[in-house]
Amino acid sequence: MPHSIIDDLNDRYTCKKYDPSKRVPQKDLEVLYEAMRLSASSINSQPWKFIVIESYEAKQRMYNTFANKYQFNQQHILESSQVILFAHNPHYNREDYARVVDKGIEDGRTKSEERAQAFGSFVFAEMNTDEQGDTSAWTKAQLYLALGNTLHTLARLKIDSTCLEGIDSALVEEAFKEELEGYKCPVALAIGYHHETEDFNARLPKTRLSPENIFVHV
């Protein structure tokens, strides 16, 4: 299928070895961060926080969180250009949504006199809140929408990446407690450029199930 989007997605893969001498240009990072900010979410809730790890001190903190498990992912922390922690609000409430509503008023999307009506959409958050005020299942789902959008954007920018669900979330949340401010971090994303000779995955052919196995047209 001849299309630039398909070409970019065919080229995208999980990087297994980064070239530590290569860094993502600031101009591309700015595009990436703005694309992440524009990610879709239910009721435009945006229940996320993205911690960009790029300094040596922060990378060392992240590196140390692999003390107990998932050491196979540890190399990516120091070798990649940046590591991004994807975190979600486990107790998303009406006050959090008020920030979204008020920003909508500031941006001209919502009229100030219609502020009260704008909270009608919050019912979707309430439907996904348990008796203890936990919204984790719902906000985590929104977080993965942002992750998918990020992966697509990286593919278009020709930046390599590695999804890291293999992280010790408890240690990560302790090491970055100040930055996360109570948000939960189930996944991280390493970005950069693959090593030309040592990244075995770069040379393997793309494989996906055929269309007839996953599409049902009715």
N, C-alpha and C. Protein backbone atom coordinates (compact mmCIF):
# COMPACT_ATOMS: atom_id res chain seq x y z
N MET A 1 0.85 -1.19 0.00
CA MET A 1 0.00 0.00 0.00
C MET A 1 0.89 1.24 0.00
N PRO A 2 0.92 1.99 -1.08
CA PRO A 2 1.81 3.16 -1.19
C PRO A 2 1.26 4.38 -0.45
N HIS A 3 1.76 4.60 0.74
CA HIS A 3 1.38 5.78 1.52
C HIS A 3 2.46 6.03 2.56
N SER A 4 2.78 7.30 2.79
CA SER A 4 3.88 7.62 3.71
C SER A 4 3.59 7.15 5.13
N ILE A 5 2.33 7.19 5.56
CA ILE A 5 1.99 6.72 6.91
C ILE A 5 2.29 5.22 7.02
N ILE A 6 1.88 4.46 6.02
CA ILE A 6 2.12 3.01 6.04
C ILE A 6 3.62 2.72 5.99
N ASP A 7 4.35 3.49 5.20
CA ASP A 7 5.80 3.31 5.13
C ASP A 7 6.44 3.53 6.49
N ASP A 8 6.02 4.60 7.18
CA ASP A 8 6.60 4.91 8.49
C ASP A 8 6.27 3.82 9.51
N LEU A 9 5.04 3.33 9.49
CA LEU A 9 4.64 2.30 10.45
C LEU A 9 5.29 0.96 10.15
N ASN A 10 5.55 0.69 8.88
CA ASN A 10 6.27 -0.52 8.53
C ASN A 10 7.71 -0.47 9.01
N ASP A 11 8.27 0.73 9.02
CA ASP A 11 9.66 0.90 9.48
C ASP A 11 9.77 0.86 11.01
N ARG A 12 8.67 1.16 11.70
CA ARG A 12 8.70 1.20 13.17
C ARG A 12 8.86 -0.21 13.76
N TYR A 13 9.69 -0.32 14.79
CA TYR A 13 9.89 -1.59 15.48
C TYR A 13 10.40 -1.27 16.88
N THR A 14 10.53 -2.29 17.70
CA THR A 14 11.05 -2.10 19.06
C THR A 14 12.57 -2.15 19.05
N CYS A 15 13.19 -1.05 19.36
CA CYS A 15 14.65 -0.99 19.38
C CYS A 15 15.20 -1.84 20.52
N LYS A 16 16.21 -2.63 20.23
CA LYS A 16 16.82 -3.51 21.24
C LYS A 16 18.21 -3.06 21.69
N LYS A 17 18.78 -2.09 20.96
CA LYS A 17 20.10 -1.59 21.33
C LYS A 17 20.26 -0.19 20.77
N TYR A 18 20.52 0.78 21.65
CA TYR A 18 20.66 2.17 21.24
C TYR A 18 22.12 2.56 21.03
N ASP A 19 22.30 3.57 20.18
CA ASP A 19 23.61 4.18 19.99
C ASP A 19 23.70 5.34 20.98
N PRO A 20 24.50 5.21 22.05
CA PRO A 20 24.55 6.25 23.07
C PRO A 20 25.16 7.57 22.60
N SER A 21 25.78 7.56 21.42
CA SER A 21 26.40 8.80 20.91
C SER A 21 25.39 9.68 20.18
N LYS A 22 24.18 9.17 19.93
CA LYS A 22 23.20 9.92 19.16
C LYS A 22 22.08 10.43 20.07
N ARG A 23 21.73 11.68 19.89
CA ARG A 23 20.68 12.31 20.67
C ARG A 23 19.60 12.87 19.75
N VAL A 24 18.37 12.85 20.20
CA VAL A 24 17.25 13.38 19.42
C VAL A 24 17.35 14.90 19.39
N PRO A 25 17.31 15.51 18.20
CA PRO A 25 17.38 16.97 18.10
C PRO A 25 16.24 17.66 18.84
N GLN A 26 16.51 18.83 19.39
CA GLN A 26 15.51 19.56 20.16
C GLN A 26 14.27 19.87 19.32
N LYS A 27 14.47 20.17 18.04
CA LYS A 27 13.33 20.52 17.18
C LYS A 27 12.37 19.33 17.05
N ASP A 28 12.90 18.12 17.02
CA ASP A 28 12.05 16.94 16.94
C ASP A 28 11.39 16.65 18.29
N LEU A 29 12.12 16.90 19.37
CA LEU A 29 11.54 16.72 20.70
C LEU A 29 10.35 17.64 20.90
N GLU A 30 10.46 18.87 20.41
CA GLU A 30 9.37 19.83 20.56
C GLU A 30 8.12 19.36 19.82
N VAL A 31 8.30 18.78 18.64
CA VAL A 31 7.17 18.22 17.90
C VAL A 31 6.58 17.04 18.67
N LEU A 32 7.44 16.18 19.17
CA LEU A 32 6.99 15.01 19.91
C LEU A 32 6.17 15.41 21.14
N TYR A 33 6.69 16.33 21.93
CA TYR A 33 6.00 16.73 23.16
C TYR A 33 4.65 17.38 22.86
N GLU A 34 4.60 18.17 21.79
CA GLU A 34 3.33 18.80 21.45
C GLU A 34 2.33 17.74 20.97
N ALA A 35 2.80 16.75 20.22
CA ALA A 35 1.92 15.66 19.77
C ALA A 35 1.39 14.89 20.98
N MET A 36 2.24 14.66 21.97
CA MET A 36 1.80 13.97 23.18
C MET A 36 0.73 14.79 23.90
N ARG A 37 0.95 16.10 23.97
CA ARG A 37 -0.01 16.99 24.63
C ARG A 37 -1.37 16.95 23.95
N LEU A 38 -1.37 16.73 22.63
CA LEU A 38 -2.59 16.73 21.84
C LEU A 38 -3.27 15.36 21.79
N SER A 39 -2.77 14.39 22.54
CA SER A 39 -3.35 13.04 22.54
C SER A 39 -4.81 13.06 22.96
N ALA A 40 -5.56 12.12 22.40
CA ALA A 40 -6.98 12.00 22.73
C ALA A 40 -7.17 11.33 24.09
N SER A 41 -8.28 11.68 24.76
CA SER A 41 -8.65 11.03 26.01
C SER A 41 -10.14 11.17 26.23
N SER A 42 -10.74 10.26 26.93
CA SER A 42 -12.17 10.31 27.22
C SER A 42 -12.51 11.62 27.92
N ILE A 43 -13.55 12.29 27.47
CA ILE A 43 -14.04 13.59 27.95
C ILE A 43 -12.91 14.63 28.01
N ASN A 44 -11.88 14.41 27.22
CA ASN A 44 -10.72 15.30 27.21
C ASN A 44 -10.11 15.42 28.61
N SER A 45 -10.17 14.32 29.36
CA SER A 45 -9.75 14.32 30.76
C SER A 45 -8.26 14.58 30.96
N GLN A 46 -7.43 14.10 30.02
CA GLN A 46 -5.98 14.29 30.10
C GLN A 46 -5.43 13.94 31.49
N PRO A 47 -5.71 12.73 31.98
CA PRO A 47 -5.35 12.36 33.36
C PRO A 47 -3.92 11.86 33.48
N TRP A 48 -3.00 12.52 32.83
CA TRP A 48 -1.64 12.00 32.71
C TRP A 48 -0.58 13.01 33.10
N LYS A 49 0.61 12.46 33.25
CA LYS A 49 1.81 13.26 33.50
C LYS A 49 2.95 12.53 32.81
N PHE A 50 3.81 13.28 32.10
CA PHE A 50 4.94 12.69 31.39
C PHE A 50 6.24 13.22 31.99
N ILE A 51 7.02 12.34 32.57
CA ILE A 51 8.29 12.73 33.18
C ILE A 51 9.41 12.42 32.19
N VAL A 52 10.06 13.44 31.67
CA VAL A 52 11.13 13.25 30.68
C VAL A 52 12.47 13.14 31.42
N ILE A 53 13.08 11.98 31.30
CA ILE A 53 14.36 11.71 31.97
C ILE A 53 15.48 11.88 30.96
N GLU A 54 16.32 12.88 31.16
CA GLU A 54 17.41 13.11 30.21
C GLU A 54 18.74 13.48 30.86
N SER A 55 18.73 14.00 32.07
CA SER A 55 19.99 14.33 32.75
C SER A 55 20.65 13.04 33.24
N TYR A 56 21.96 13.11 33.44
CA TYR A 56 22.67 11.93 33.93
C TYR A 56 22.15 11.52 35.31
N GLU A 57 21.90 12.51 36.16
CA GLU A 57 21.42 12.22 37.52
C GLU A 57 20.07 11.50 37.49
N ALA A 58 19.16 11.97 36.65
CA ALA A 58 17.84 11.35 36.55
C ALA A 58 17.93 9.96 35.93
N LYS A 59 18.79 9.82 34.93
CA LYS A 59 18.97 8.50 34.31
C LYS A 59 19.54 7.50 35.32
N GLN A 60 20.45 7.96 36.16
CA GLN A 60 21.02 7.08 37.18
C GLN A 60 19.94 6.65 38.18
N ARG A 61 19.08 7.57 38.53
CA ARG A 61 17.96 7.24 39.42
C ARG A 61 17.09 6.15 38.79
N MET A 62 16.77 6.31 37.51
CA MET A 62 15.95 5.33 36.81
C MET A 62 16.69 4.00 36.67
N TYR A 63 17.97 4.09 36.37
CA TYR A 63 18.81 2.89 36.22
C TYR A 63 18.77 2.05 37.50
N ASN A 64 18.80 2.71 38.63
CA ASN A 64 18.84 2.01 39.91
C ASN A 64 17.53 1.32 40.26
N THR A 65 16.44 1.67 39.58
CA THR A 65 15.16 1.03 39.88
C THR A 65 15.08 -0.40 39.33
N PHE A 66 16.09 -0.81 38.60
CA PHE A 66 16.12 -2.18 38.06
C PHE A 66 16.89 -3.12 38.98
N ALA A 67 17.03 -2.76 40.23
CA ALA A 67 17.82 -3.55 41.18
C ALA A 67 17.27 -4.96 41.37
N ASN A 68 15.96 -5.11 41.28
CA ASN A 68 15.34 -6.40 41.62
C ASN A 68 14.85 -7.21 40.43
N LYS A 69 14.52 -6.56 39.34
CA LYS A 69 13.96 -7.31 38.20
C LYS A 69 14.02 -6.48 36.92
N TYR A 70 13.76 -7.16 35.82
CA TYR A 70 13.72 -6.56 34.48
C TYR A 70 15.07 -5.97 34.07
N GLN A 71 16.16 -6.59 34.51
CA GLN A 71 17.48 -6.05 34.18
C GLN A 71 17.76 -6.02 32.68
N PHE A 72 17.02 -6.82 31.90
CA PHE A 72 17.23 -6.83 30.46
C PHE A 72 16.87 -5.47 29.83
N ASN A 73 16.07 -4.68 30.52
CA ASN A 73 15.72 -3.35 30.01
C ASN A 73 16.63 -2.24 30.54
N GLN A 74 17.48 -2.59 31.48
CA GLN A 74 18.28 -1.59 32.18
C GLN A 74 19.23 -0.83 31.25
N GLN A 75 19.78 -1.52 30.26
CA GLN A 75 20.75 -0.89 29.36
C GLN A 75 20.16 0.30 28.61
N HIS A 76 18.85 0.24 28.33
CA HIS A 76 18.23 1.31 27.55
C HIS A 76 18.24 2.65 28.28
N ILE A 77 18.28 2.59 29.60
CA ILE A 77 18.16 3.82 30.38
C ILE A 77 19.32 4.77 30.13
N LEU A 78 20.54 4.23 30.14
CA LEU A 78 21.72 5.07 29.96
C LEU A 78 22.08 5.28 28.49
N GLU A 79 21.67 4.36 27.62
CA GLU A 79 22.09 4.43 26.23
C GLU A 79 21.13 5.23 25.34
N SER A 80 19.86 5.28 25.69
CA SER A 80 18.90 6.00 24.86
C SER A 80 19.06 7.51 25.05
N SER A 81 18.42 8.27 24.19
CA SER A 81 18.51 9.72 24.27
C SER A 81 17.70 10.25 25.44
N GLN A 82 16.46 9.80 25.55
CA GLN A 82 15.58 10.15 26.67
C GLN A 82 14.76 8.93 27.07
N VAL A 83 14.32 8.93 28.31
CA VAL A 83 13.34 7.95 28.78
C VAL A 83 12.16 8.76 29.32
N ILE A 84 10.97 8.39 28.89
CA ILE A 84 9.78 9.12 29.32
C ILE A 84 8.92 8.21 30.19
N LEU A 85 8.62 8.66 31.39
CA LEU A 85 7.70 7.94 32.26
C LEU A 85 6.28 8.36 31.92
N PHE A 86 5.43 7.38 31.64
CA PHE A 86 4.02 7.64 31.38
C PHE A 86 3.25 7.33 32.66
N ALA A 87 2.61 8.35 33.22
CA ALA A 87 1.94 8.18 34.51
C ALA A 87 0.51 8.69 34.45
N HIS A 88 -0.36 8.06 35.23
CA HIS A 88 -1.78 8.44 35.23
C HIS A 88 -2.27 8.72 36.65
N ASN A 89 -3.29 9.53 36.73
CA ASN A 89 -3.88 9.94 38.00
C ASN A 89 -4.81 8.83 38.49
N PRO A 90 -4.51 8.18 39.62
CA PRO A 90 -5.35 7.07 40.09
C PRO A 90 -6.60 7.53 40.84
N HIS A 91 -6.72 8.83 41.08
CA HIS A 91 -7.88 9.37 41.80
C HIS A 91 -8.37 10.65 41.10
N TYR A 92 -8.72 10.48 39.84
CA TYR A 92 -9.18 11.62 39.04
C TYR A 92 -10.53 12.08 39.57
N ASN A 93 -10.64 13.37 39.92
CA ASN A 93 -11.87 13.86 40.53
C ASN A 93 -12.40 15.12 39.83
N ARG A 94 -13.45 15.66 40.39
CA ARG A 94 -14.11 16.82 39.80
C ARG A 94 -13.18 18.03 39.74
N GLU A 95 -12.33 18.17 40.73
CA GLU A 95 -11.38 19.27 40.73
C GLU A 95 -10.39 19.15 39.57
N ASP A 96 -9.97 17.91 39.29
CA ASP A 96 -9.07 17.69 38.15
C ASP A 96 -9.77 18.07 36.85
N TYR A 97 -11.04 17.69 36.74
CA TYR A 97 -11.77 18.01 35.50
C TYR A 97 -12.04 19.50 35.38
N ALA A 98 -12.12 20.20 36.52
CA ALA A 98 -12.34 21.64 36.49
C ALA A 98 -11.20 22.35 35.75
N ARG A 99 -10.00 21.82 35.88
CA ARG A 99 -8.85 22.40 35.16
C ARG A 99 -9.08 22.31 33.66
N VAL A 100 -9.65 21.19 33.21
CA VAL A 100 -9.94 21.00 31.79
C VAL A 100 -11.03 21.96 31.34
N VAL A 101 -12.09 22.05 32.13
CA VAL A 101 -13.20 22.94 31.79
C VAL A 101 -12.73 24.39 31.72
N ASP A 102 -11.97 24.81 32.71
CA ASP A 102 -11.51 26.21 32.75
C ASP A 102 -10.53 26.52 31.62
N LYS A 103 -9.73 25.53 31.24
CA LYS A 103 -8.83 25.74 30.09
C LYS A 103 -9.65 25.86 28.81
N GLY A 104 -10.76 25.11 28.74
CA GLY A 104 -11.64 25.21 27.58
C GLY A 104 -12.27 26.59 27.48
N ILE A 105 -12.58 27.18 28.62
CA ILE A 105 -13.11 28.55 28.64
C ILE A 105 -12.02 29.53 28.19
N GLU A 106 -10.82 29.34 28.70
CA GLU A 106 -9.69 30.21 28.33
C GLU A 106 -9.40 30.13 26.84
N ASP A 107 -9.53 28.94 26.26
CA ASP A 107 -9.22 28.75 24.84
C ASP A 107 -10.39 29.10 23.93
N GLY A 108 -11.54 29.44 24.51
CA GLY A 108 -12.68 29.83 23.70
C GLY A 108 -13.54 28.67 23.24
N ARG A 109 -13.29 27.48 23.73
CA ARG A 109 -14.10 26.32 23.35
C ARG A 109 -15.43 26.32 24.10
N THR A 110 -15.39 26.75 25.36
CA THR A 110 -16.58 26.77 26.21
C THR A 110 -16.87 28.20 26.65
N LYS A 111 -18.13 28.58 26.61
CA LYS A 111 -18.51 29.91 27.09
C LYS A 111 -18.51 29.91 28.62
N SER A 112 -18.04 31.01 29.20
CA SER A 112 -17.94 31.07 30.66
C SER A 112 -19.28 30.85 31.34
N GLU A 113 -20.35 31.34 30.71
CA GLU A 113 -21.67 31.18 31.31
C GLU A 113 -22.20 29.74 31.22
N GLU A 114 -21.48 28.90 30.46
CA GLU A 114 -21.88 27.50 30.31
C GLU A 114 -20.96 26.56 31.09
N ARG A 115 -20.21 27.13 32.01
CA ARG A 115 -19.25 26.32 32.80
C ARG A 115 -19.93 25.18 33.54
N ALA A 116 -21.04 25.45 34.19
CA ALA A 116 -21.72 24.42 34.97
C ALA A 116 -22.18 23.25 34.09
N GLN A 117 -22.71 23.59 32.90
CA GLN A 117 -23.17 22.53 31.99
C GLN A 117 -22.01 21.68 31.49
N ALA A 118 -20.83 22.29 31.39
CA ALA A 118 -19.67 21.56 30.87
C ALA A 118 -19.29 20.37 31.75
N PHE A 119 -19.69 20.42 33.02
CA PHE A 119 -19.37 19.31 33.92
C PHE A 119 -20.27 18.10 33.69
N GLY A 120 -21.23 18.21 32.79
CA GLY A 120 -22.08 17.07 32.49
C GLY A 120 -21.30 15.86 32.02
N SER A 121 -20.21 16.11 31.28
CA SER A 121 -19.40 15.01 30.76
C SER A 121 -18.68 14.24 31.86
N PHE A 122 -18.56 14.87 33.02
CA PHE A 122 -17.82 14.23 34.11
C PHE A 122 -18.49 12.93 34.58
N VAL A 123 -19.73 12.72 34.16
CA VAL A 123 -20.43 11.48 34.53
C VAL A 123 -19.65 10.25 34.07
N PHE A 124 -18.90 10.38 32.97
CA PHE A 124 -18.12 9.24 32.47
C PHE A 124 -16.99 8.89 33.44
N ALA A 125 -16.42 9.89 34.09
CA ALA A 125 -15.41 9.63 35.11
C ALA A 125 -16.06 9.01 36.34
N GLU A 126 -17.22 9.53 36.71
CA GLU A 126 -17.92 8.99 37.88
C GLU A 126 -18.31 7.54 37.69
N MET A 127 -18.67 7.18 36.47
CA MET A 127 -19.03 5.79 36.17
C MET A 127 -17.84 4.85 36.32
N ASN A 128 -16.63 5.40 36.27
CA ASN A 128 -15.41 4.60 36.37
C ASN A 128 -14.64 4.86 37.66
N THR A 129 -15.37 5.30 38.68
CA THR A 129 -14.78 5.57 39.99
C THR A 129 -15.40 4.62 41.01
N ASP A 130 -14.56 3.89 41.76
CA ASP A 130 -15.11 2.96 42.75
C ASP A 130 -15.42 3.68 44.06
N GLU A 131 -15.86 2.94 45.06
CA GLU A 131 -16.28 3.53 46.33
C GLU A 131 -15.14 4.20 47.07
N GLN A 132 -13.91 3.81 46.77
CA GLN A 132 -12.73 4.41 47.40
C GLN A 132 -12.19 5.59 46.59
N GLY A 133 -12.87 5.95 45.52
CA GLY A 133 -12.42 7.06 44.69
C GLY A 133 -11.33 6.69 43.72
N ASP A 134 -11.14 5.39 43.48
CA ASP A 134 -10.08 4.91 42.58
C ASP A 134 -10.57 4.92 41.14
N THR A 135 -9.82 5.59 40.28
CA THR A 135 -10.15 5.66 38.85
C THR A 135 -9.07 5.00 37.99
N SER A 136 -8.22 4.20 38.61
CA SER A 136 -7.01 3.70 37.94
C SER A 136 -7.29 2.98 36.62
N ALA A 137 -8.28 2.11 36.59
CA ALA A 137 -8.53 1.34 35.36
C ALA A 137 -8.86 2.28 34.21
N TRP A 138 -9.65 3.31 34.49
CA TRP A 138 -10.07 4.26 33.46
C TRP A 138 -8.93 5.17 33.04
N THR A 139 -8.23 5.75 34.01
CA THR A 139 -7.15 6.69 33.65
C THR A 139 -5.97 5.97 33.01
N LYS A 140 -5.73 4.72 33.39
CA LYS A 140 -4.66 3.96 32.74
C LYS A 140 -4.99 3.72 31.27
N ALA A 141 -6.26 3.47 30.99
CA ALA A 141 -6.68 3.29 29.60
C ALA A 141 -6.42 4.55 28.78
N GLN A 142 -6.68 5.71 29.37
CA GLN A 142 -6.42 6.97 28.66
C GLN A 142 -4.92 7.13 28.41
N LEU A 143 -4.12 6.71 29.39
CA LEU A 143 -2.66 6.83 29.26
C LEU A 143 -2.15 6.05 28.06
N TYR A 144 -2.73 4.88 27.82
CA TYR A 144 -2.27 4.07 26.69
C TYR A 144 -2.71 4.64 25.35
N LEU A 145 -3.77 5.45 25.35
CA LEU A 145 -4.09 6.19 24.12
C LEU A 145 -2.95 7.15 23.80
N ALA A 146 -2.44 7.82 24.82
CA ALA A 146 -1.32 8.75 24.62
C ALA A 146 -0.07 8.00 24.19
N LEU A 147 0.15 6.82 24.74
CA LEU A 147 1.32 6.03 24.36
C LEU A 147 1.26 5.64 22.89
N GLY A 148 0.08 5.19 22.44
CA GLY A 148 -0.07 4.82 21.03
C GLY A 148 0.19 6.01 20.11
N ASN A 149 -0.35 7.16 20.47
CA ASN A 149 -0.13 8.37 19.69
C ASN A 149 1.35 8.73 19.65
N THR A 150 2.02 8.54 20.77
CA THR A 150 3.46 8.84 20.85
C THR A 150 4.26 7.94 19.93
N LEU A 151 3.93 6.65 19.93
CA LEU A 151 4.64 5.70 19.06
C LEU A 151 4.46 6.05 17.59
N HIS A 152 3.25 6.45 17.23
CA HIS A 152 2.99 6.83 15.84
C HIS A 152 3.80 8.08 15.46
N THR A 153 3.81 9.05 16.36
CA THR A 153 4.56 10.28 16.11
C THR A 153 6.05 9.99 15.96
N LEU A 154 6.58 9.15 16.83
CA LEU A 154 7.99 8.78 16.74
C LEU A 154 8.31 8.12 15.40
N ALA A 155 7.41 7.27 14.95
CA ALA A 155 7.62 6.60 13.66
C ALA A 155 7.71 7.62 12.53
N ARG A 156 6.84 8.65 12.59
CA ARG A 156 6.83 9.67 11.55
C ARG A 156 8.08 10.54 11.61
N LEU A 157 8.64 10.68 12.83
CA LEU A 157 9.85 11.49 13.00
C LEU A 157 11.13 10.68 12.78
N LYS A 158 10.97 9.39 12.49
CA LYS A 158 12.13 8.49 12.29
C LYS A 158 12.98 8.38 13.55
N ILE A 159 12.32 8.37 14.70
CA ILE A 159 12.99 8.19 15.98
C ILE A 159 12.66 6.80 16.50
N ASP A 160 13.66 6.07 16.92
CA ASP A 160 13.45 4.72 17.43
C ASP A 160 12.94 4.76 18.87
N SER A 161 12.29 3.67 19.28
CA SER A 161 11.72 3.65 20.62
C SER A 161 11.59 2.23 21.15
N THR A 162 11.45 2.14 22.46
CA THR A 162 11.25 0.86 23.15
C THR A 162 10.24 1.07 24.27
N CYS A 163 9.10 0.41 24.19
CA CYS A 163 8.13 0.45 25.29
C CYS A 163 8.66 -0.39 26.44
N LEU A 164 8.63 0.16 27.63
CA LEU A 164 9.17 -0.54 28.80
C LEU A 164 8.07 -0.76 29.82
N GLU A 165 7.26 -1.82 29.60
CA GLU A 165 6.35 -2.24 30.66
C GLU A 165 7.12 -3.06 31.69
N GLY A 166 8.29 -3.52 31.28
CA GLY A 166 9.17 -4.24 32.20
C GLY A 166 9.94 -3.28 33.07
N ILE A 167 9.22 -2.61 33.95
CA ILE A 167 9.85 -1.73 34.95
C ILE A 167 9.28 -2.08 36.32
N ASP A 168 10.02 -1.78 37.35
CA ASP A 168 9.55 -2.00 38.72
C ASP A 168 8.81 -0.73 39.14
N SER A 169 7.50 -0.72 38.90
CA SER A 169 6.71 0.49 39.13
C SER A 169 6.84 1.01 40.56
N ALA A 170 6.90 0.12 41.51
CA ALA A 170 7.00 0.54 42.91
C ALA A 170 8.29 1.32 43.15
N LEU A 171 9.40 0.82 42.61
CA LEU A 171 10.68 1.51 42.79
C LEU A 171 10.73 2.80 41.97
N VAL A 172 10.15 2.77 40.78
CA VAL A 172 10.11 3.97 39.95
C VAL A 172 9.31 5.07 40.65
N GLU A 173 8.18 4.69 41.19
CA GLU A 173 7.32 5.67 41.86
C GLU A 173 7.96 6.21 43.13
N GLU A 174 8.83 5.42 43.75
CA GLU A 174 9.56 5.91 44.92
C GLU A 174 10.71 6.82 44.49
N ALA A 175 11.43 6.41 43.45
CA ALA A 175 12.58 7.20 42.98
C ALA A 175 12.17 8.55 42.42
N PHE A 176 10.97 8.61 41.82
CA PHE A 176 10.49 9.85 41.21
C PHE A 176 9.22 10.34 41.91
N LYS A 177 9.19 10.10 43.19
CA LYS A 177 8.02 10.46 44.01
C LYS A 177 7.69 11.94 43.90
N GLU A 178 8.70 12.78 43.94
CA GLU A 178 8.47 14.23 43.90
C GLU A 178 7.90 14.66 42.56
N GLU A 179 8.41 14.09 41.49
CA GLU A 179 7.95 14.47 40.15
C GLU A 179 6.55 13.90 39.84
N LEU A 180 6.28 12.69 40.31
CA LEU A 180 5.03 12.02 39.98
C LEU A 180 3.84 12.54 40.79
N GLU A 181 4.12 13.03 41.98
CA GLU A 181 3.07 13.63 42.82
C GLU A 181 1.84 12.73 42.98
N GLY A 182 2.09 11.47 43.25
CA GLY A 182 1.01 10.53 43.50
C GLY A 182 0.47 9.82 42.27
N TYR A 183 0.92 10.19 41.09
CA TYR A 183 0.49 9.50 39.87
C TYR A 183 1.16 8.13 39.82
N LYS A 184 0.52 7.19 39.12
CA LYS A 184 1.02 5.82 38.98
C LYS A 184 1.73 5.67 37.63
N CYS A 185 2.84 4.94 37.63
CA CYS A 185 3.64 4.77 36.41
C CYS A 185 3.74 3.29 36.02
N PRO A 186 2.89 2.83 35.10
CA PRO A 186 2.93 1.44 34.67
C PRO A 186 3.86 1.17 33.50
N VAL A 187 4.32 2.23 32.82
CA VAL A 187 5.10 2.02 31.60
C VAL A 187 6.02 3.22 31.35
N ALA A 188 7.16 2.93 30.76
CA ALA A 188 8.10 3.98 30.35
C ALA A 188 8.42 3.78 28.87
N LEU A 189 9.02 4.78 28.27
CA LEU A 189 9.34 4.71 26.85
C LEU A 189 10.74 5.27 26.62
N ALA A 190 11.63 4.44 26.12
CA ALA A 190 12.97 4.90 25.75
C ALA A 190 12.93 5.36 24.30
N ILE A 191 13.60 6.47 23.99
CA ILE A 191 13.65 6.96 22.62
C ILE A 191 15.09 7.32 22.25
N GLY A 192 15.38 7.27 20.98
CA GLY A 192 16.72 7.58 20.50
C GLY A 192 16.93 6.99 19.12
N TYR A 193 18.14 6.52 18.86
CA TYR A 193 18.47 5.94 17.56
C TYR A 193 19.22 4.62 17.76
N HIS A 194 18.82 3.62 17.00
CA HIS A 194 19.36 2.29 17.21
C HIS A 194 20.84 2.19 16.82
N HIS A 195 21.49 1.21 17.42
CA HIS A 195 22.89 0.93 17.10
C HIS A 195 22.94 0.20 15.76
N GLU A 196 23.73 0.71 14.85
CA GLU A 196 23.74 0.20 13.48
C GLU A 196 24.11 -1.28 13.38
N THR A 197 24.97 -1.76 14.24
CA THR A 197 25.44 -3.15 14.12
C THR A 197 24.94 -4.07 15.24
N GLU A 198 24.55 -3.50 16.39
CA GLU A 198 24.21 -4.35 17.53
C GLU A 198 22.71 -4.49 17.80
N ASP A 199 21.89 -3.78 17.07
CA ASP A 199 20.44 -3.91 17.25
C ASP A 199 19.91 -4.97 16.28
N PHE A 200 19.81 -6.21 16.77
CA PHE A 200 19.41 -7.32 15.91
C PHE A 200 17.99 -7.15 15.36
N ASN A 201 17.13 -6.49 16.11
CA ASN A 201 15.73 -6.37 15.72
C ASN A 201 15.54 -5.48 14.51
N ALA A 202 16.50 -4.60 14.25
CA ALA A 202 16.40 -3.67 13.12
C ALA A 202 16.47 -4.40 11.79
N ARG A 203 17.06 -5.57 11.80
CA ARG A 203 17.28 -6.32 10.55
C ARG A 203 16.19 -7.35 10.27
N LEU A 204 15.29 -7.55 11.21
CA LEU A 204 14.27 -8.57 11.03
C LEU A 204 13.07 -8.02 10.27
N PRO A 205 12.41 -8.87 9.46
CA PRO A 205 11.25 -8.40 8.69
C PRO A 205 10.05 -8.12 9.58
N LYS A 206 9.21 -7.21 9.14
CA LYS A 206 7.98 -6.87 9.85
C LYS A 206 6.99 -8.03 9.74
N THR A 207 6.28 -8.33 10.81
CA THR A 207 5.26 -9.37 10.74
C THR A 207 4.03 -8.96 11.53
N ARG A 208 2.88 -9.09 10.91
CA ARG A 208 1.59 -8.83 11.52
C ARG A 208 0.58 -9.83 10.97
N LEU A 209 -0.49 -10.06 11.71
CA LEU A 209 -1.57 -10.90 11.20
C LEU A 209 -2.15 -10.28 9.94
N SER A 210 -2.66 -11.11 9.05
CA SER A 210 -3.23 -10.61 7.80
C SER A 210 -4.56 -9.93 8.07
N PRO A 211 -4.98 -9.01 7.19
CA PRO A 211 -6.22 -8.26 7.40
C PRO A 211 -7.43 -9.12 7.66
N GLU A 212 -7.56 -10.25 6.94
CA GLU A 212 -8.75 -11.10 7.10
C GLU A 212 -8.83 -11.73 8.48
N ASN A 213 -7.72 -11.74 9.22
CA ASN A 213 -7.72 -12.30 10.57
C ASN A 213 -8.20 -11.30 11.63
N ILE A 214 -8.19 -10.01 11.30
CA ILE A 214 -8.51 -9.03 12.33
C ILE A 214 -9.63 -8.06 11.99
N PHE A 215 -10.01 -7.99 10.71
CA PHE A 215 -11.09 -7.08 10.31
C PHE A 215 -12.35 -7.87 9.99
N VAL A 216 -13.46 -7.42 10.53
CA VAL A 216 -14.77 -8.01 10.23
C VAL A 216 -15.64 -6.90 9.66
N HIS A 217 -15.99 -7.01 8.40
CA HIS A 217 -16.81 -6.01 7.74
C HIS A 217 -18.26 -6.49 7.72
N VAL A 218 -19.15 -5.68 8.25
CA VAL A 218 -20.55 -6.10 8.34
C VAL A 218 -21.47 -5.10 7.64
